Amino acid sequence: MSTDAKPVSATRLVMAQEMTPQDANPAGNVHGGNIMRLADSAAGVVAIRHSGRNCVTAAVDHFEFHAPVFIGNLVTFHASVNYVGRTSMEVGVRVEAEEPRTGKGPTRIRPIS
């Protein structure tokens, strides 16, 4: 890990993506694995920004879906560093989904860390 201290604000990431038919099953529900993949990508960017090195995910503590995400929903990922040790760090990701045409939402998906 880099020895230069960085504030959380310097490595924070907000990433948004509209869900498309490729992300979903025939019923129009987005696959949870796609949401998890995007959350992991957001966490990886934050970890690399913070450490200045390549990083890998060693574990995911928790991921809980409270409502379905549908084709056309805008899913936003808010990622930031929670804790930094000498050789590891914890990155949290908050995931929200909203219907962009109506503004209905956001539906929150429990954060991972």
N, C-alpha and C. Protein backbone atom coordinates (compact mmCIF):
# COMPACT_ATOMS: atom_id res chain seq x y z
N MET A 1 0.85 -1.17 0.00
CA MET A 1 0.00 0.00 0.00
C MET A 1 0.89 1.24 0.00
N SER A 2 0.39 2.27 -0.58
CA SER A 2 1.12 3.53 -0.65
C SER A 2 1.27 4.11 0.74
N THR A 3 2.39 4.76 1.01
CA THR A 3 2.61 5.35 2.32
C THR A 3 2.02 6.75 2.42
N ASP A 4 1.59 7.32 1.29
CA ASP A 4 0.99 8.66 1.30
C ASP A 4 -0.45 8.55 1.77
N ALA A 5 -0.76 9.25 2.87
CA ALA A 5 -2.12 9.23 3.40
C ALA A 5 -3.04 9.99 2.46
N LYS A 6 -4.23 9.44 2.23
CA LYS A 6 -5.22 10.08 1.37
C LYS A 6 -6.54 10.16 2.13
N PRO A 7 -7.24 11.27 2.02
CA PRO A 7 -8.56 11.33 2.65
C PRO A 7 -9.55 10.50 1.85
N VAL A 8 -10.62 10.06 2.50
CA VAL A 8 -11.65 9.26 1.84
C VAL A 8 -12.19 10.02 0.63
N SER A 9 -12.34 11.32 0.75
CA SER A 9 -12.90 12.12 -0.35
C SER A 9 -12.06 12.06 -1.61
N ALA A 10 -10.78 11.76 -1.49
CA ALA A 10 -9.89 11.72 -2.65
C ALA A 10 -10.07 10.45 -3.48
N THR A 11 -10.66 9.41 -2.89
CA THR A 11 -10.78 8.14 -3.60
C THR A 11 -12.23 7.69 -3.76
N ARG A 12 -13.16 8.46 -3.27
CA ARG A 12 -14.60 8.13 -3.37
C ARG A 12 -15.03 8.04 -4.83
N LEU A 13 -16.02 7.19 -5.11
CA LEU A 13 -16.51 7.01 -6.47
C LEU A 13 -18.03 6.95 -6.48
N VAL A 14 -18.64 7.63 -7.43
CA VAL A 14 -20.06 7.48 -7.71
C VAL A 14 -20.16 7.05 -9.17
N MET A 15 -20.78 5.91 -9.39
CA MET A 15 -20.89 5.34 -10.73
C MET A 15 -22.35 5.00 -10.97
N ALA A 16 -22.88 5.36 -12.12
CA ALA A 16 -24.27 5.06 -12.44
C ALA A 16 -24.34 4.34 -13.77
N GLN A 17 -25.30 3.41 -13.87
CA GLN A 17 -25.49 2.67 -15.12
C GLN A 17 -26.96 2.32 -15.28
N GLU A 18 -27.44 2.52 -16.51
CA GLU A 18 -28.82 2.12 -16.82
C GLU A 18 -28.82 0.62 -17.11
N MET A 19 -29.81 -0.08 -16.58
CA MET A 19 -29.92 -1.52 -16.78
C MET A 19 -30.60 -1.80 -18.12
N THR A 20 -30.02 -2.72 -18.88
CA THR A 20 -30.49 -3.05 -20.23
C THR A 20 -30.99 -4.49 -20.27
N PRO A 21 -31.61 -4.90 -21.38
CA PRO A 21 -32.09 -6.29 -21.48
C PRO A 21 -30.99 -7.34 -21.28
N GLN A 22 -29.75 -7.03 -21.63
CA GLN A 22 -28.65 -7.99 -21.41
C GLN A 22 -28.41 -8.25 -19.93
N ASP A 23 -28.84 -7.32 -19.06
CA ASP A 23 -28.61 -7.44 -17.62
C ASP A 23 -29.71 -8.24 -16.93
N ALA A 24 -30.77 -8.61 -17.67
CA ALA A 24 -31.97 -9.14 -17.02
C ALA A 24 -32.39 -10.51 -17.54
N ASN A 25 -33.32 -11.10 -16.81
CA ASN A 25 -33.95 -12.35 -17.24
C ASN A 25 -35.15 -12.02 -18.13
N PRO A 26 -35.83 -13.02 -18.70
CA PRO A 26 -36.96 -12.74 -19.59
C PRO A 26 -38.12 -11.97 -18.93
N ALA A 27 -38.22 -12.01 -17.62
CA ALA A 27 -39.28 -11.28 -16.91
C ALA A 27 -38.94 -9.80 -16.72
N GLY A 28 -37.72 -9.40 -17.07
CA GLY A 28 -37.33 -8.00 -16.94
C GLY A 28 -36.65 -7.66 -15.63
N ASN A 29 -36.40 -8.65 -14.78
CA ASN A 29 -35.69 -8.43 -13.52
C ASN A 29 -34.19 -8.56 -13.75
N VAL A 30 -33.45 -7.58 -13.28
CA VAL A 30 -32.00 -7.60 -13.44
C VAL A 30 -31.41 -8.68 -12.54
N HIS A 31 -30.48 -9.44 -13.10
CA HIS A 31 -29.79 -10.49 -12.35
C HIS A 31 -28.99 -9.87 -11.20
N GLY A 32 -29.12 -10.43 -10.02
CA GLY A 32 -28.37 -9.95 -8.86
C GLY A 32 -26.87 -10.02 -9.08
N GLY A 33 -26.41 -11.02 -9.82
CA GLY A 33 -24.99 -11.15 -10.10
C GLY A 33 -24.44 -9.97 -10.89
N ASN A 34 -25.27 -9.40 -11.77
CA ASN A 34 -24.82 -8.21 -12.51
C ASN A 34 -24.64 -7.03 -11.57
N ILE A 35 -25.57 -6.87 -10.63
CA ILE A 35 -25.45 -5.79 -9.63
C ILE A 35 -24.20 -6.01 -8.80
N MET A 36 -23.96 -7.24 -8.38
CA MET A 36 -22.78 -7.55 -7.57
C MET A 36 -21.49 -7.29 -8.34
N ARG A 37 -21.48 -7.63 -9.64
CA ARG A 37 -20.28 -7.39 -10.47
C ARG A 37 -19.96 -5.90 -10.56
N LEU A 38 -21.00 -5.10 -10.80
CA LEU A 38 -20.79 -3.65 -10.90
C LEU A 38 -20.34 -3.06 -9.56
N ALA A 39 -20.92 -3.55 -8.46
CA ALA A 39 -20.51 -3.08 -7.13
C ALA A 39 -19.05 -3.43 -6.86
N ASP A 40 -18.64 -4.64 -7.27
CA ASP A 40 -17.25 -5.05 -7.09
C ASP A 40 -16.31 -4.19 -7.94
N SER A 41 -16.74 -3.83 -9.15
CA SER A 41 -15.93 -2.95 -10.00
C SER A 41 -15.75 -1.58 -9.36
N ALA A 42 -16.84 -1.03 -8.80
CA ALA A 42 -16.75 0.27 -8.12
C ALA A 42 -15.80 0.18 -6.93
N ALA A 43 -15.92 -0.89 -6.14
CA ALA A 43 -15.03 -1.06 -4.98
C ALA A 43 -13.58 -1.19 -5.43
N GLY A 44 -13.35 -1.90 -6.53
CA GLY A 44 -11.99 -2.06 -7.03
C GLY A 44 -11.35 -0.75 -7.45
N VAL A 45 -12.14 0.11 -8.10
CA VAL A 45 -11.60 1.42 -8.50
C VAL A 45 -11.20 2.22 -7.27
N VAL A 46 -12.04 2.20 -6.25
CA VAL A 46 -11.73 2.94 -5.01
C VAL A 46 -10.45 2.39 -4.37
N ALA A 47 -10.34 1.07 -4.31
CA ALA A 47 -9.16 0.45 -3.70
C ALA A 47 -7.88 0.81 -4.47
N ILE A 48 -7.95 0.77 -5.79
CA ILE A 48 -6.78 1.11 -6.61
C ILE A 48 -6.43 2.59 -6.45
N ARG A 49 -7.45 3.45 -6.46
CA ARG A 49 -7.19 4.89 -6.26
C ARG A 49 -6.49 5.12 -4.92
N HIS A 50 -6.97 4.43 -3.89
CA HIS A 50 -6.42 4.66 -2.55
C HIS A 50 -5.00 4.11 -2.41
N SER A 51 -4.78 2.90 -2.91
CA SER A 51 -3.48 2.25 -2.70
C SER A 51 -2.45 2.60 -3.77
N GLY A 52 -2.93 2.97 -4.96
CA GLY A 52 -2.00 3.21 -6.05
C GLY A 52 -1.43 1.93 -6.63
N ARG A 53 -2.07 0.80 -6.33
CA ARG A 53 -1.62 -0.51 -6.79
C ARG A 53 -2.81 -1.34 -7.26
N ASN A 54 -2.52 -2.46 -7.92
CA ASN A 54 -3.57 -3.40 -8.27
C ASN A 54 -4.15 -3.99 -6.99
N CYS A 55 -5.44 -4.23 -7.00
CA CYS A 55 -6.13 -4.78 -5.83
C CYS A 55 -7.09 -5.87 -6.27
N VAL A 56 -7.37 -6.80 -5.37
CA VAL A 56 -8.34 -7.85 -5.63
C VAL A 56 -9.32 -7.93 -4.46
N THR A 57 -10.50 -8.44 -4.72
CA THR A 57 -11.49 -8.64 -3.68
C THR A 57 -11.19 -9.95 -2.96
N ALA A 58 -10.99 -9.90 -1.65
CA ALA A 58 -10.73 -11.10 -0.87
C ALA A 58 -12.01 -11.67 -0.29
N ALA A 59 -12.98 -10.80 0.02
CA ALA A 59 -14.22 -11.26 0.63
C ALA A 59 -15.30 -10.20 0.50
N VAL A 60 -16.53 -10.65 0.51
CA VAL A 60 -17.69 -9.76 0.57
C VAL A 60 -18.45 -10.15 1.83
N ASP A 61 -18.62 -9.19 2.73
CA ASP A 61 -19.27 -9.48 4.00
C ASP A 61 -20.77 -9.73 3.87
N HIS A 62 -21.43 -8.90 3.08
CA HIS A 62 -22.89 -8.98 3.07
C HIS A 62 -23.45 -8.30 1.82
N PHE A 63 -24.49 -8.87 1.25
CA PHE A 63 -25.18 -8.25 0.13
C PHE A 63 -26.64 -8.66 0.26
N GLU A 64 -27.51 -7.70 0.37
CA GLU A 64 -28.92 -7.98 0.61
C GLU A 64 -29.79 -7.15 -0.33
N PHE A 65 -30.64 -7.83 -1.10
CA PHE A 65 -31.53 -7.14 -2.03
C PHE A 65 -32.88 -6.92 -1.36
N HIS A 66 -33.37 -5.67 -1.37
CA HIS A 66 -34.64 -5.34 -0.74
C HIS A 66 -35.78 -5.24 -1.73
N ALA A 67 -35.48 -5.03 -3.00
CA ALA A 67 -36.50 -4.89 -4.03
C ALA A 67 -35.88 -5.23 -5.37
N PRO A 68 -36.69 -5.66 -6.33
CA PRO A 68 -36.12 -5.97 -7.64
C PRO A 68 -35.67 -4.73 -8.39
N VAL A 69 -34.72 -4.93 -9.28
CA VAL A 69 -34.26 -3.88 -10.18
C VAL A 69 -34.71 -4.32 -11.57
N PHE A 70 -35.23 -3.37 -12.36
CA PHE A 70 -35.81 -3.70 -13.65
C PHE A 70 -35.03 -3.07 -14.80
N ILE A 71 -35.25 -3.63 -16.00
CA ILE A 71 -34.70 -3.03 -17.21
C ILE A 71 -35.14 -1.57 -17.25
N GLY A 72 -34.21 -0.69 -17.57
CA GLY A 72 -34.49 0.75 -17.63
C GLY A 72 -34.20 1.49 -16.36
N ASN A 73 -34.05 0.78 -15.24
CA ASN A 73 -33.71 1.45 -13.98
C ASN A 73 -32.28 1.98 -14.05
N LEU A 74 -32.05 3.10 -13.39
CA LEU A 74 -30.72 3.65 -13.24
C LEU A 74 -30.19 3.17 -11.90
N VAL A 75 -29.09 2.45 -11.92
CA VAL A 75 -28.49 1.93 -10.69
C VAL A 75 -27.24 2.75 -10.40
N THR A 76 -27.17 3.29 -9.18
CA THR A 76 -26.05 4.14 -8.77
C THR A 76 -25.28 3.45 -7.66
N PHE A 77 -23.97 3.45 -7.80
CA PHE A 77 -23.06 2.81 -6.83
C PHE A 77 -22.24 3.91 -6.17
N HIS A 78 -22.29 3.99 -4.85
CA HIS A 78 -21.51 4.96 -4.07
C HIS A 78 -20.46 4.16 -3.30
N ALA A 79 -19.20 4.28 -3.67
CA ALA A 79 -18.14 3.48 -3.05
C ALA A 79 -17.12 4.38 -2.36
N SER A 80 -16.67 3.94 -1.18
CA SER A 80 -15.63 4.68 -0.46
C SER A 80 -14.90 3.75 0.50
N VAL A 81 -13.71 4.17 0.88
CA VAL A 81 -12.88 3.40 1.82
C VAL A 81 -13.47 3.54 3.23
N ASN A 82 -13.62 2.40 3.91
CA ASN A 82 -14.09 2.40 5.30
C ASN A 82 -12.94 2.27 6.30
N TYR A 83 -11.95 1.46 5.94
CA TYR A 83 -10.84 1.16 6.85
C TYR A 83 -9.62 0.81 6.01
N VAL A 84 -8.45 1.20 6.49
CA VAL A 84 -7.19 0.86 5.82
C VAL A 84 -6.23 0.29 6.85
N GLY A 85 -5.70 -0.89 6.54
CA GLY A 85 -4.67 -1.51 7.35
C GLY A 85 -3.34 -1.43 6.63
N ARG A 86 -2.38 -2.21 7.06
CA ARG A 86 -1.06 -2.19 6.43
C ARG A 86 -1.07 -2.91 5.08
N THR A 87 -1.82 -4.02 4.98
CA THR A 87 -1.83 -4.79 3.74
C THR A 87 -3.23 -5.04 3.19
N SER A 88 -4.24 -4.46 3.80
CA SER A 88 -5.60 -4.65 3.32
C SER A 88 -6.45 -3.42 3.63
N MET A 89 -7.61 -3.39 3.04
CA MET A 89 -8.55 -2.30 3.31
C MET A 89 -9.97 -2.81 3.17
N GLU A 90 -10.89 -2.06 3.75
CA GLU A 90 -12.30 -2.35 3.61
C GLU A 90 -12.93 -1.23 2.81
N VAL A 91 -13.67 -1.60 1.77
CA VAL A 91 -14.35 -0.63 0.92
C VAL A 91 -15.84 -0.91 1.01
N GLY A 92 -16.64 0.11 1.26
CA GLY A 92 -18.08 -0.03 1.30
C GLY A 92 -18.71 0.49 0.03
N VAL A 93 -19.78 -0.16 -0.40
CA VAL A 93 -20.51 0.26 -1.60
C VAL A 93 -22.00 0.32 -1.26
N ARG A 94 -22.61 1.49 -1.47
CA ARG A 94 -24.06 1.64 -1.33
C ARG A 94 -24.64 1.63 -2.74
N VAL A 95 -25.66 0.82 -2.94
CA VAL A 95 -26.27 0.66 -4.27
C VAL A 95 -27.72 1.14 -4.20
N GLU A 96 -28.09 1.98 -5.16
CA GLU A 96 -29.46 2.48 -5.23
C GLU A 96 -29.98 2.33 -6.65
N ALA A 97 -31.27 2.01 -6.78
CA ALA A 97 -31.90 1.91 -8.09
C ALA A 97 -33.09 2.85 -8.13
N GLU A 98 -33.27 3.49 -9.28
CA GLU A 98 -34.41 4.38 -9.45
C GLU A 98 -34.96 4.28 -10.86
N GLU A 99 -36.23 4.62 -11.01
CA GLU A 99 -36.86 4.71 -12.32
C GLU A 99 -36.62 6.12 -12.82
N PRO A 100 -35.73 6.33 -13.78
CA PRO A 100 -35.35 7.69 -14.17
C PRO A 100 -36.46 8.51 -14.82
N ARG A 101 -37.42 7.85 -15.47
CA ARG A 101 -38.49 8.61 -16.13
C ARG A 101 -39.48 9.20 -15.14
N THR A 102 -39.69 8.50 -14.03
CA THR A 102 -40.66 8.99 -13.03
C THR A 102 -39.97 9.57 -11.80
N GLY A 103 -38.69 9.24 -11.64
CA GLY A 103 -37.97 9.66 -10.44
C GLY A 103 -38.30 8.79 -9.24
N LYS A 104 -39.13 7.77 -9.44
CA LYS A 104 -39.51 6.89 -8.33
C LYS A 104 -38.29 6.12 -7.86
N GLY A 105 -38.11 6.09 -6.58
CA GLY A 105 -36.94 5.44 -5.99
C GLY A 105 -36.25 6.48 -5.13
N PRO A 106 -35.06 6.35 -4.72
CA PRO A 106 -34.26 5.19 -5.00
C PRO A 106 -34.62 4.01 -4.11
N THR A 107 -34.45 2.81 -4.63
CA THR A 107 -34.55 1.60 -3.87
C THR A 107 -33.14 1.25 -3.43
N ARG A 108 -32.94 1.11 -2.15
CA ARG A 108 -31.59 0.84 -1.66
C ARG A 108 -31.34 -0.64 -1.54
N ILE A 109 -30.18 -1.06 -1.98
CA ILE A 109 -29.70 -2.41 -1.80
C ILE A 109 -28.64 -2.33 -0.72
N ARG A 110 -28.72 -3.19 0.27
CA ARG A 110 -27.79 -3.11 1.41
C ARG A 110 -26.34 -3.03 0.95
N PRO A 111 -25.53 -2.21 1.63
CA PRO A 111 -24.14 -2.07 1.22
C PRO A 111 -23.32 -3.34 1.45
N ILE A 112 -22.27 -3.45 0.66
CA ILE A 112 -21.29 -4.51 0.90
C ILE A 112 -20.04 -3.86 1.43
N SER A 113 -19.24 -4.60 2.09
CA SER A 113 -17.96 -4.05 2.55
C SER A 113 -16.95 -5.15 2.65
